[in-house]
PDB file of N, CA and C in Angstrom:
ATOM      1  N   MET A   1       0.835  -1.159   0.000  1.00  0.00           N
ATOM      2  CA  MET A   1       0.000   0.000   0.000  1.00  0.00           C
ATOM      3  C   MET A   1       0.895   1.243   0.000  1.00  0.00           C
ATOM      4  N   LYS A   2       0.648   2.124  -0.936  1.00  0.00           N
ATOM      5  CA  LYS A   2       1.459   3.331  -1.038  1.00  0.00           C
ATOM      6  C   LYS A   2       0.868   4.427  -0.169  1.00  0.00           C
ATOM      7  N   ARG A   3       1.590   4.786   0.851  1.00  0.00           N
ATOM      8  CA  ARG A   3       1.177   5.882   1.704  1.00  0.00           C
ATOM      9  C   ARG A   3       1.901   7.147   1.274  1.00  0.00           C
ATOM     10  N   PHE A   4       1.286   8.250   1.510  1.00  0.00           N
ATOM     11  CA  PHE A   4       1.828   9.570   1.163  1.00  0.00           C
ATOM     12  C   PHE A   4       2.069   9.698  -0.337  1.00  0.00           C
ATOM     13  N   ALA A   5       1.249   9.025  -1.122  1.00  0.00           N
ATOM     14  CA  ALA A   5       1.396   9.115  -2.575  1.00  0.00           C
ATOM     15  C   ALA A   5       0.971  10.489  -3.078  1.00  0.00           C
ATOM     16  N   ASN A   6       0.072  11.125  -2.363  1.00  0.00           N
ATOM     17  CA  ASN A   6      -0.437  12.424  -2.792  1.00  0.00           C
ATOM     18  C   ASN A   6       0.084  13.552  -1.918  1.00  0.00           C
ATOM     19  N   LEU A   7       1.259  13.383  -1.364  1.00  0.00           N
ATOM     20  CA  LEU A   7       1.804  14.395  -0.460  1.00  0.00           C
ATOM     21  C   LEU A   7       1.975  15.740  -1.157  1.00  0.00           C
ATOM     22  N   LYS A   8       2.403  15.705  -2.398  1.00  0.00           N
ATOM     23  CA  LYS A   8       2.596  16.951  -3.135  1.00  0.00           C
ATOM     24  C   LYS A   8       1.265  17.676  -3.342  1.00  0.00           C
ATOM     25  N   SER A   9       0.225  16.923  -3.658  1.00  0.00           N
ATOM     26  CA  SER A   9      -1.078  17.562  -3.848  1.00  0.00           C
ATOM     27  C   SER A   9      -1.630  18.089  -2.528  1.00  0.00           C
ATOM     28  N   TYR A  10      -1.333  17.407  -1.401  1.00  0.00           N
ATOM     29  CA  TYR A  10      -1.761  17.897  -0.095  1.00  0.00           C
ATOM     30  C   TYR A  10      -1.076  19.221   0.224  1.00  0.00           C
ATOM     31  N   LEU A  11       0.202  19.303  -0.061  1.00  0.00           N
ATOM     32  CA  LEU A  11       0.939  20.538   0.212  1.00  0.00           C
ATOM     33  C   LEU A  11       0.457  21.686  -0.669  1.00  0.00           C
ATOM     34  N   VAL A  12       0.175  21.377  -1.941  1.00  0.00           N
ATOM     35  CA  VAL A  12      -0.316  22.420  -2.848  1.00  0.00           C
ATOM     36  C   VAL A  12      -1.670  22.926  -2.383  1.00  0.00           C
ATOM     37  N   PHE A  13      -2.556  22.005  -1.978  1.00  0.00           N
ATOM     38  CA  PHE A  13      -3.869  22.413  -1.464  1.00  0.00           C
ATOM     39  C   PHE A  13      -3.719  23.305  -0.243  1.00  0.00           C
ATOM     40  N   SER A  14      -2.830  22.934   0.662  1.00  0.00           N
ATOM     41  CA  SER A  14      -2.637  23.715   1.882  1.00  0.00           C
ATOM     42  C   SER A  14      -2.020  25.081   1.587  1.00  0.00           C
ATOM     43  N   LEU A  15      -1.110  25.132   0.641  1.00  0.00           N
ATOM     44  CA  LEU A  15      -0.518  26.413   0.256  1.00  0.00           C
ATOM     45  C   LEU A  15      -1.556  27.339  -0.363  1.00  0.00           C
ATOM     46  N   ILE A  16      -2.453  26.790  -1.182  1.00  0.00           N
ATOM     47  CA  ILE A  16      -3.500  27.605  -1.788  1.00  0.00           C
ATOM     48  C   ILE A  16      -4.446  28.133  -0.722  1.00  0.00           C
ATOM     49  N   ALA A  17      -4.812  27.277   0.233  1.00  0.00           N
ATOM     50  CA  ALA A  17      -5.690  27.708   1.322  1.00  0.00           C
ATOM     51  C   ALA A  17      -5.017  28.791   2.161  1.00  0.00           C
ATOM     52  N   ALA A  18      -3.723  28.624   2.432  1.00  0.00           N
ATOM     53  CA  ALA A  18      -2.989  29.619   3.219  1.00  0.00           C
ATOM     54  C   ALA A  18      -2.878  30.944   2.465  1.00  0.00           C
ATOM     55  N   ALA A  19      -2.625  30.886   1.177  1.00  0.00           N
ATOM     56  CA  ALA A  19      -2.527  32.118   0.392  1.00  0.00           C
ATOM     57  C   ALA A  19      -3.872  32.837   0.327  1.00  0.00           C
ATOM     58  N   PHE A  20      -4.943  32.078   0.207  1.00  0.00           N
ATOM     59  CA  PHE A  20      -6.278  32.676   0.169  1.00  0.00           C
ATOM     60  C   PHE A  20      -6.604  33.370   1.489  1.00  0.00           C
ATOM     61  N   SER A  21      -6.331  32.686   2.576  1.00  0.00           N
ATOM     62  CA  SER A  21      -6.615  33.311   3.874  1.00  0.00           C
ATOM     63  C   SER A  21      -5.690  34.494   4.131  1.00  0.00           C
ATOM     64  N   ALA A  22      -4.447  34.401   3.688  1.00  0.00           N
ATOM     65  CA  ALA A  22      -3.518  35.525   3.860  1.00  0.00           C
ATOM     66  C   ALA A  22      -3.991  36.745   3.082  1.00  0.00           C
ATOM     67  N   ALA A  23      -4.495  36.515   1.881  1.00  0.00           N
ATOM     68  CA  ALA A  23      -4.992  37.644   1.085  1.00  0.00           C
ATOM     69  C   ALA A  23      -6.188  38.308   1.760  1.00  0.00           C
ATOM     70  N   ILE A  24      -7.089  37.506   2.283  1.00  0.00           N
ATOM     71  CA  ILE A  24      -8.267  38.060   2.952  1.00  0.00           C
ATOM     72  C   ILE A  24      -7.865  38.846   4.204  1.00  0.00           C
ATOM     73  N   VAL A  25      -6.974  38.269   5.005  1.00  0.00           N
ATOM     74  CA  VAL A  25      -6.559  38.940   6.246  1.00  0.00           C
ATOM     75  C   VAL A  25      -5.757  40.196   5.931  1.00  0.00           C
ATOM     76  N   TYR A  26      -4.886  40.134   4.929  1.00  0.00           N
ATOM     77  CA  TYR A  26      -4.056  41.300   4.617  1.00  0.00           C
ATOM     78  C   TYR A  26      -4.902  42.471   4.123  1.00  0.00           C
ATOM     79  N   TYR A  27      -5.858  42.187   3.249  1.00  0.00           N
ATOM     80  CA  TYR A  27      -6.690  43.277   2.751  1.00  0.00           C
ATOM     81  C   TYR A  27      -7.664  43.782   3.806  1.00  0.00           C
ATOM     82  N   GLY A  28      -7.882  42.982   4.841  1.00  0.00           N
ATOM     83  CA  GLY A  28      -8.753  43.436   5.915  1.00  0.00           C
ATOM     84  C   GLY A  28      -8.028  44.220   6.983  1.00  0.00           C
ATOM     85  N   THR A  29      -6.767  43.858   7.265  1.00  0.00           N
ATOM     86  CA  THR A  29      -6.063  44.503   8.372  1.00  0.00           C
ATOM     87  C   THR A  29      -4.861  45.335   7.944  1.00  0.00           C
ATOM     88  N   ARG A  30      -4.209  44.966   6.863  1.00  0.00           N
ATOM     89  CA  ARG A  30      -2.963  45.621   6.401  1.00  0.00           C
ATOM     90  C   ARG A  30      -1.823  45.501   7.407  1.00  0.00           C
ATOM     91  N   ILE A  31      -1.845  44.421   8.198  1.00  0.00           N
ATOM     92  CA  ILE A  31      -0.780  44.171   9.172  1.00  0.00           C
ATOM     93  C   ILE A  31      -0.068  42.879   8.753  1.00  0.00           C
ATOM     94  N   PRO A  32       1.206  42.952   8.339  1.00  0.00           N
ATOM     95  CA  PRO A  32       1.897  41.760   7.846  1.00  0.00           C
ATOM     96  C   PRO A  32       2.063  40.651   8.898  1.00  0.00           C
ATOM     97  N   GLU A  33       2.267  41.020  10.150  1.00  0.00           N
ATOM     98  CA  GLU A  33       2.460  39.993  11.187  1.00  0.00           C
ATOM     99  C   GLU A  33       1.198  39.170  11.392  1.00  0.00           C
ATOM    100  N   THR A  34       0.068  39.834  11.433  1.00  0.00           N
ATOM    101  CA  THR A  34      -1.206  39.130  11.579  1.00  0.00           C
ATOM    102  C   THR A  34      -1.480  38.251  10.367  1.00  0.00           C
ATOM    103  N   THR A  35      -1.120  38.760   9.199  1.00  0.00           N
ATOM    104  CA  THR A  35      -1.313  37.994   7.973  1.00  0.00           C
ATOM    105  C   THR A  35      -0.493  36.715   7.990  1.00  0.00           C
ATOM    106  N   MET A  36       0.764  36.798   8.400  1.00  0.00           N
ATOM    107  CA  MET A  36       1.619  35.612   8.453  1.00  0.00           C
ATOM    108  C   MET A  36       1.120  34.602   9.476  1.00  0.00           C
ATOM    109  N   ILE A  37       0.656  35.081  10.613  1.00  0.00           N
ATOM    110  CA  ILE A  37       0.142  34.178  11.650  1.00  0.00           C
ATOM    111  C   ILE A  37      -1.070  33.419  11.127  1.00  0.00           C
ATOM    112  N   TRP A  38      -2.010  34.118  10.519  1.00  0.00           N
ATOM    113  CA  TRP A  38      -3.200  33.448  10.010  1.00  0.00           C
ATOM    114  C   TRP A  38      -2.883  32.525   8.850  1.00  0.00           C
ATOM    115  N   ALA A  39      -1.917  32.890   8.008  1.00  0.00           N
ATOM    116  CA  ALA A  39      -1.527  32.009   6.905  1.00  0.00           C
ATOM    117  C   ALA A  39      -0.907  30.716   7.433  1.00  0.00           C
ATOM    118  N   LEU A  40      -0.048  30.814   8.432  1.00  0.00           N
ATOM    119  CA  LEU A  40       0.565  29.614   9.006  1.00  0.00           C
ATOM    120  C   LEU A  40      -0.454  28.744   9.729  1.00  0.00           C
ATOM    121  N   ILE A  41      -1.376  29.372  10.438  1.00  0.00           N
ATOM    122  CA  ILE A  41      -2.428  28.603  11.109  1.00  0.00           C
ATOM    123  C   ILE A  41      -3.280  27.865  10.082  1.00  0.00           C
ATOM    124  N   THR A  42      -3.642  28.547   9.017  1.00  0.00           N
ATOM    125  CA  THR A  42      -4.449  27.920   7.970  1.00  0.00           C
ATOM    126  C   THR A  42      -3.692  26.782   7.305  1.00  0.00           C
ATOM    127  N   PHE A  43      -2.404  26.959   7.044  1.00  0.00           N
ATOM    128  CA  PHE A  43      -1.595  25.905   6.429  1.00  0.00           C
ATOM    129  C   PHE A  43      -1.553  24.664   7.313  1.00  0.00           C
ATOM    130  N   ILE A  44      -1.281  24.854   8.588  1.00  0.00           N
ATOM    131  CA  ILE A  44      -1.159  23.714   9.507  1.00  0.00           C
ATOM    132  C   ILE A  44      -2.499  23.007   9.684  1.00  0.00           C
ATOM    133  N   VAL A  45      -3.556  23.772   9.870  1.00  0.00           N
ATOM    134  CA  VAL A  45      -4.870  23.162  10.068  1.00  0.00           C
ATOM    135  C   VAL A  45      -5.323  22.415   8.819  1.00  0.00           C
ATOM    136  N   SER A  46      -5.095  22.974   7.645  1.00  0.00           N
ATOM    137  CA  SER A  46      -5.514  22.285   6.422  1.00  0.00           C
ATOM    138  C   SER A  46      -4.697  21.019   6.185  1.00  0.00           C
ATOM    139  N   ILE A  47      -3.408  21.016   6.517  1.00  0.00           N
ATOM    140  CA  ILE A  47      -2.604  19.791   6.401  1.00  0.00           C
ATOM    141  C   ILE A  47      -3.135  18.718   7.337  1.00  0.00           C
ATOM    142  N   VAL A  48      -3.449  19.089   8.562  1.00  0.00           N
ATOM    143  CA  VAL A  48      -3.970  18.118   9.536  1.00  0.00           C
ATOM    144  C   VAL A  48      -5.312  17.562   9.080  1.00  0.00           C
ATOM    145  N   ILE A  49      -6.190  18.413   8.577  1.00  0.00           N
ATOM    146  CA  ILE A  49      -7.503  17.951   8.134  1.00  0.00           C
ATOM    147  C   ILE A  49      -7.382  17.017   6.936  1.00  0.00           C
ATOM    148  N   VAL A  50      -6.569  17.376   5.962  1.00  0.00           N
ATOM    149  CA  VAL A  50      -6.412  16.535   4.771  1.00  0.00           C
ATOM    150  C   VAL A  50      -5.762  15.205   5.136  1.00  0.00           C
ATOM    151  N   ALA A  51      -4.784  15.212   6.007  1.00  0.00           N
ATOM    152  CA  ALA A  51      -4.144  13.961   6.411  1.00  0.00           C
ATOM    153  C   ALA A  51      -5.106  13.075   7.196  1.00  0.00           C
ATOM    154  N   THR A  52      -5.943  13.672   8.031  1.00  0.00           N
ATOM    155  CA  THR A  52      -6.930  12.899   8.784  1.00  0.00           C
ATOM    156  C   THR A  52      -7.964  12.282   7.853  1.00  0.00           C
ATOM    157  N   ILE A  53      -8.418  13.026   6.888  1.00  0.00           N
ATOM    158  CA  ILE A  53      -9.373  12.492   5.926  1.00  0.00           C
ATOM    159  C   ILE A  53      -8.733  11.374   5.108  1.00  0.00           C
ATOM    160  N   ASP A  54      -7.454  11.519   4.755  1.00  0.00           N
ATOM    161  CA  ASP A  54      -6.761  10.475   4.009  1.00  0.00           C
ATOM    162  C   ASP A  54      -6.645   9.195   4.830  1.00  0.00           C
ATOM    163  N   LEU A  55      -6.434   9.325   6.124  1.00  0.00           N
ATOM    164  CA  LEU A  55      -6.346   8.140   6.972  1.00  0.00           C
ATOM    165  C   LEU A  55      -7.703   7.460   7.148  1.00  0.00           C
ATOM    166  N   MET A  56      -8.784   8.198   7.020  1.00  0.00           N
ATOM    167  CA  MET A  56     -10.113   7.619   7.184  1.00  0.00           C
ATOM    168  C   MET A  56     -10.565   6.840   5.960  1.00  0.00           C
ATOM    169  N   VAL A  57      -9.997   7.116   4.786  1.00  0.00           N
ATOM    170  CA  VAL A  57     -10.413   6.466   3.551  1.00  0.00           C
ATOM    171  C   VAL A  57      -9.771   5.090   3.469  1.00  0.00           C
ATOM    172  N   LYS A  58     -10.590   4.086   3.199  1.00  0.00           N
ATOM    173  CA  LYS A  58     -10.075   2.732   3.041  1.00  0.00           C
ATOM    174  C   LYS A  58      -9.719   2.525   1.570  1.00  0.00           C
ATOM    175  N   HIS A  59      -8.474   2.180   1.319  1.00  0.00           N
ATOM    176  CA  HIS A  59      -8.017   1.965  -0.047  1.00  0.00           C
ATOM    177  C   HIS A  59      -8.382   0.556  -0.487  1.00  0.00           C
ATOM    178  N   ASP A  60      -8.947   0.445  -1.674  1.00  0.00           N
ATOM    179  CA  ASP A  60      -9.402  -0.840  -2.189  1.00  0.00           C
ATOM    180  C   ASP A  60      -8.290  -1.460  -3.038  1.00  0.00           C
ATOM    181  N   ASP A  61      -7.764  -2.610  -2.600  1.00  0.00           N
ATOM    182  CA  ASP A  61      -6.688  -3.287  -3.321  1.00  0.00           C
ATOM    183  C   ASP A  61      -7.192  -4.421  -4.194  1.00  0.00           C
ATOM    184  N   GLN A  62      -8.486  -4.496  -4.414  1.00  0.00           N
ATOM    185  CA  GLN A  62      -9.056  -5.576  -5.198  1.00  0.00           C
ATOM    186  C   GLN A  62      -8.810  -5.336  -6.683  1.00  0.00           C
ATOM    187  N   ASP A  63      -8.734  -6.439  -7.432  1.00  0.00           N
ATOM    188  CA  ASP A  63      -8.532  -6.380  -8.867  1.00  0.00           C
ATOM    189  C   ASP A  63      -9.768  -5.746  -9.529  1.00  0.00           C
ATOM    190  N   PRO A  64      -9.594  -4.712 -10.347  1.00  0.00           N
ATOM    191  CA  PRO A  64     -10.755  -4.055 -10.939  1.00  0.00           C
ATOM    192  C   PRO A  64     -11.472  -4.903 -11.984  1.00  0.00           C
ATOM    193  N   ASN A  65     -10.821  -5.952 -12.472  1.00  0.00           N
ATOM    194  CA  ASN A  65     -11.450  -6.799 -13.486  1.00  0.00           C
ATOM    195  C   ASN A  65     -12.341  -7.875 -12.882  1.00  0.00           C
ATOM    196  N   LYS A  66     -12.252  -8.106 -11.588  1.00  0.00           N
ATOM    197  CA  LYS A  66     -13.091  -9.105 -10.924  1.00  0.00           C
ATOM    198  C   LYS A  66     -14.324  -8.437 -10.344  1.00  0.00           C
ATOM    199  N   PRO A  67     -15.470  -9.111 -10.426  1.00  0.00           N
ATOM    200  CA  PRO A  67     -16.667  -8.536  -9.807  1.00  0.00           C
ATOM    201  C   PRO A  67     -16.579  -8.591  -8.290  1.00  0.00           C
ATOM    202  N   LYS A  68     -17.135  -7.595  -7.624  1.00  0.00           N
ATOM    203  CA  LYS A  68     -17.079  -7.556  -6.165  1.00  0.00           C
ATOM    204  C   LYS A  68     -18.080  -8.510  -5.542  1.00  0.00           C
ATOM    205  N   LEU A  69     -19.218  -8.686  -6.186  1.00  0.00           N
ATOM    206  CA  LEU A  69     -20.239  -9.578  -5.660  1.00  0.00           C
ATOM    207  C   LEU A  69     -20.148 -10.924  -6.362  1.00  0.00           C
ATOM    208  N   ARG A  70     -20.251 -11.998  -5.590  1.00  0.00           N
ATOM    209  CA  ARG A  70     -20.212 -13.335  -6.173  1.00  0.00           C
ATOM    210  C   ARG A  70     -21.329 -14.135  -5.678  1.00  0.00           C
TER     211      ARG A  70
END
Protein backbone atom coordinates (compact mmCIF):
# COMPACT_ATOMS: atom_id res chain seq x y z
CA MET A 1 0.00 0.00 0.00
CA LYS A 2 1.46 3.33 -1.04
CA ARG A 3 1.18 5.88 1.70
CA PHE A 4 1.83 9.57 1.16
CA ALA A 5 1.40 9.12 -2.57
CA ASN A 6 -0.44 12.42 -2.79
CA LEU A 7 1.80 14.40 -0.46
CA LYS A 8 2.60 16.95 -3.14
CA SER A 9 -1.08 17.56 -3.85
CA TYR A 10 -1.76 17.90 -0.10
CA LEU A 11 0.94 20.54 0.21
CA VAL A 12 -0.32 22.42 -2.85
CA PHE A 13 -3.87 22.41 -1.46
CA SER A 14 -2.64 23.72 1.88
CA LEU A 15 -0.52 26.41 0.26
CA ILE A 16 -3.50 27.60 -1.79
CA ALA A 17 -5.69 27.71 1.32
CA ALA A 18 -2.99 29.62 3.22
CA ALA A 19 -2.53 32.12 0.39
CA PHE A 20 -6.28 32.68 0.17
CA SER A 21 -6.61 33.31 3.87
CA ALA A 22 -3.52 35.53 3.86
CA ALA A 23 -4.99 37.64 1.09
CA ILE A 24 -8.27 38.06 2.95
CA VAL A 25 -6.56 38.94 6.25
CA TYR A 26 -4.06 41.30 4.62
CA TYR A 27 -6.69 43.28 2.75
CA GLY A 28 -8.75 43.44 5.92
CA THR A 29 -6.06 44.50 8.37
CA ARG A 30 -2.96 45.62 6.40
CA ILE A 31 -0.78 44.17 9.17
CA PRO A 32 1.90 41.76 7.85
CA GLU A 33 2.46 39.99 11.19
CA THR A 34 -1.21 39.13 11.58
CA THR A 35 -1.31 37.99 7.97
CA MET A 36 1.62 35.61 8.45
CA ILE A 37 0.14 34.18 11.65
CA TRP A 38 -3.20 33.45 10.01
CA ALA A 39 -1.53 32.01 6.90
CA LEU A 40 0.57 29.61 9.01
CA ILE A 41 -2.43 28.60 11.11
CA THR A 42 -4.45 27.92 7.97
CA PHE A 43 -1.60 25.91 6.43
CA ILE A 44 -1.16 23.71 9.51
CA VAL A 45 -4.87 23.16 10.07
CA SER A 46 -5.51 22.28 6.42
CA ILE A 47 -2.60 19.79 6.40
CA VAL A 48 -3.97 18.12 9.54
CA ILE A 49 -7.50 17.95 8.13
CA VAL A 50 -6.41 16.54 4.77
CA ALA A 51 -4.14 13.96 6.41
CA THR A 52 -6.93 12.90 8.78
CA ILE A 53 -9.37 12.49 5.93
CA ASP A 54 -6.76 10.48 4.01
CA LEU A 55 -6.35 8.14 6.97
CA MET A 56 -10.11 7.62 7.18
CA VAL A 57 -10.41 6.47 3.55
CA LYS A 58 -10.08 2.73 3.04
CA HIS A 59 -8.02 1.96 -0.05
CA ASP A 60 -9.40 -0.84 -2.19
CA ASP A 61 -6.69 -3.29 -3.32
CA GLN A 62 -9.06 -5.58 -5.20
CA ASP A 63 -8.53 -6.38 -8.87
CA PRO A 64 -10.76 -4.05 -10.94
CA ASN A 65 -11.45 -6.80 -13.49
CA LYS A 66 -13.09 -9.10 -10.92
CA PRO A 67 -16.67 -8.54 -9.81
CA LYS A 68 -17.08 -7.56 -6.16
CA LEU A 69 -20.24 -9.58 -5.66
CA ARG A 70 -20.21 -13.33 -6.17
